[in-house]
Amino acid sequence: MWRRWRPEPCRPSSDPGGSATNEGRCRNSRFPHHGRVKDEQMKAHKYRTEQMVSMTPNRARATPKGRFEITRLLPLEHGNYQYRIRSVIDGHERIVLESELS
């Protein structure tokens, strides 16, 4: 009977100080990325739900001036987090990138 190949469990480096090359890496050379967390996953949303924000003016998008309330946090899109916001003045909802908020 054939056995399925399984990777060895990840073991930390034997170096107690942890060198820069081995830090966060597995000793298993076939899977050097195993056990590392991407920088994008470590970054958190800058704003939270129910927080009041304003949008930076954008010529391509006709948005009314005023305050907006964040109603939902959305995932990354093109390296920026997205938010669903609602205008306090007219109640219109739209999706914007984090870089468009201030």
Protein backbone atom coordinates (compact mmCIF):
# COMPACT_ATOMS: atom_id res chain seq x y z
CA MET A 1 0.00 0.00 0.00
CA TRP A 2 1.27 3.44 -0.94
CA ARG A 3 1.67 6.13 1.67
CA ARG A 4 0.94 9.74 0.98
CA TRP A 5 3.88 12.03 1.32
CA ARG A 6 3.48 14.57 4.12
CA PRO A 7 5.80 17.49 4.78
CA GLU A 8 7.81 17.44 7.97
CA PRO A 9 6.38 19.57 10.75
CA CYS A 10 7.86 23.02 10.94
CA ARG A 11 10.54 23.36 13.61
CA PRO A 12 12.05 26.64 14.71
CA SER A 13 15.67 27.37 14.01
CA SER A 14 18.19 25.98 16.49
CA ASP A 15 19.79 29.42 16.73
CA PRO A 16 18.50 30.91 20.02
CA GLY A 17 19.04 34.50 18.87
CA GLY A 18 17.28 33.95 15.56
CA SER A 19 19.19 35.25 12.61
CA ALA A 20 17.56 37.57 10.09
CA THR A 21 17.69 34.89 7.39
CA ASN A 22 16.03 32.18 9.50
CA GLU A 23 13.55 34.29 11.42
CA GLY A 24 9.98 33.27 10.60
CA ARG A 25 11.08 30.42 8.35
CA CYS A 26 10.72 26.71 8.58
CA ARG A 27 13.75 24.41 8.57
CA ASN A 28 12.05 22.32 5.90
CA SER A 29 13.74 23.53 2.72
CA ARG A 30 10.87 22.42 0.48
CA PHE A 31 8.47 24.84 2.16
CA PRO A 32 10.47 27.89 3.28
CA HIS A 33 7.29 30.01 3.35
CA HIS A 34 5.49 27.66 5.73
CA GLY A 35 4.47 29.41 8.94
CA ARG A 36 5.08 32.99 7.80
CA VAL A 37 2.38 35.63 7.83
CA LYS A 38 2.18 38.14 4.98
CA ASP A 39 2.58 41.84 5.73
CA GLU A 40 -0.85 42.58 4.19
CA GLN A 41 -2.50 40.30 6.71
CA MET A 42 -0.76 42.04 9.60
CA LYS A 43 -2.01 45.48 8.58
CA ALA A 44 -5.36 46.44 10.07
CA HIS A 45 -8.10 48.82 8.95
CA LYS A 46 -7.32 52.43 9.81
CA TYR A 47 -10.95 53.32 10.57
CA ARG A 48 -13.69 51.41 12.42
CA THR A 49 -17.43 51.02 11.88
CA GLU A 50 -19.72 53.87 12.98
CA GLN A 51 -16.77 56.29 12.80
CA MET A 52 -17.39 59.64 11.11
CA VAL A 53 -14.99 60.51 8.24
CA SER A 54 -14.75 62.84 5.27
CA MET A 55 -13.65 62.11 1.71
CA THR A 56 -10.78 63.77 -0.09
CA PRO A 57 -11.96 65.59 -3.25
CA ASN A 58 -11.67 63.53 -6.42
CA ARG A 59 -12.34 64.93 -9.89
CA ALA A 60 -13.32 61.54 -11.29
CA ARG A 61 -15.98 60.97 -8.64
CA ALA A 62 -18.76 63.47 -7.95
CA THR A 63 -19.19 63.16 -4.21
CA PRO A 64 -21.00 65.68 -2.04
CA LYS A 65 -19.03 67.43 0.66
CA GLY A 66 -19.87 66.58 4.21
CA ARG A 67 -19.50 63.86 6.77
CA PHE A 68 -19.81 60.13 6.11
CA GLU A 69 -20.37 57.25 8.51
CA ILE A 70 -18.50 53.97 8.00
CA THR A 71 -21.08 51.20 7.87
CA ARG A 72 -18.91 48.21 6.91
CA LEU A 73 -15.24 47.20 6.68
CA LEU A 74 -14.36 45.49 3.40
CA PRO A 75 -11.27 43.49 2.32
CA LEU A 76 -8.14 44.66 0.48
CA GLU A 77 -8.47 45.95 -3.08
CA HIS A 78 -5.36 47.08 -4.99
CA GLY A 79 -3.34 47.29 -1.76
CA ASN A 80 -5.92 49.47 0.05
CA TYR A 81 -8.72 48.45 2.36
CA GLN A 82 -12.24 49.30 1.24
CA TYR A 83 -15.05 50.77 3.30
CA ARG A 84 -18.79 51.07 2.78
CA ILE A 85 -19.78 54.59 3.83
CA ARG A 86 -23.10 56.45 4.08
CA SER A 87 -23.58 60.18 3.66
CA VAL A 88 -25.02 61.87 6.74
CA ILE A 89 -26.77 64.49 4.57
CA ASP A 90 -28.66 62.36 2.03
CA GLY A 91 -28.12 58.77 3.23
CA HIS A 92 -26.52 57.66 -0.06
CA GLU A 93 -24.12 54.70 0.38
CA ARG A 94 -20.95 54.08 -1.62
CA ILE A 95 -17.78 52.00 -1.48
CA VAL A 96 -14.45 53.83 -1.23
CA LEU A 97 -10.78 52.98 -0.75
CA GLU A 98 -9.01 53.82 2.49
CA SER A 99 -6.75 56.22 0.59
CA GLU A 100 -9.81 58.35 -0.31
CA LEU A 101 -10.80 58.94 3.33
CA SER A 102 -9.53 61.50 5.79
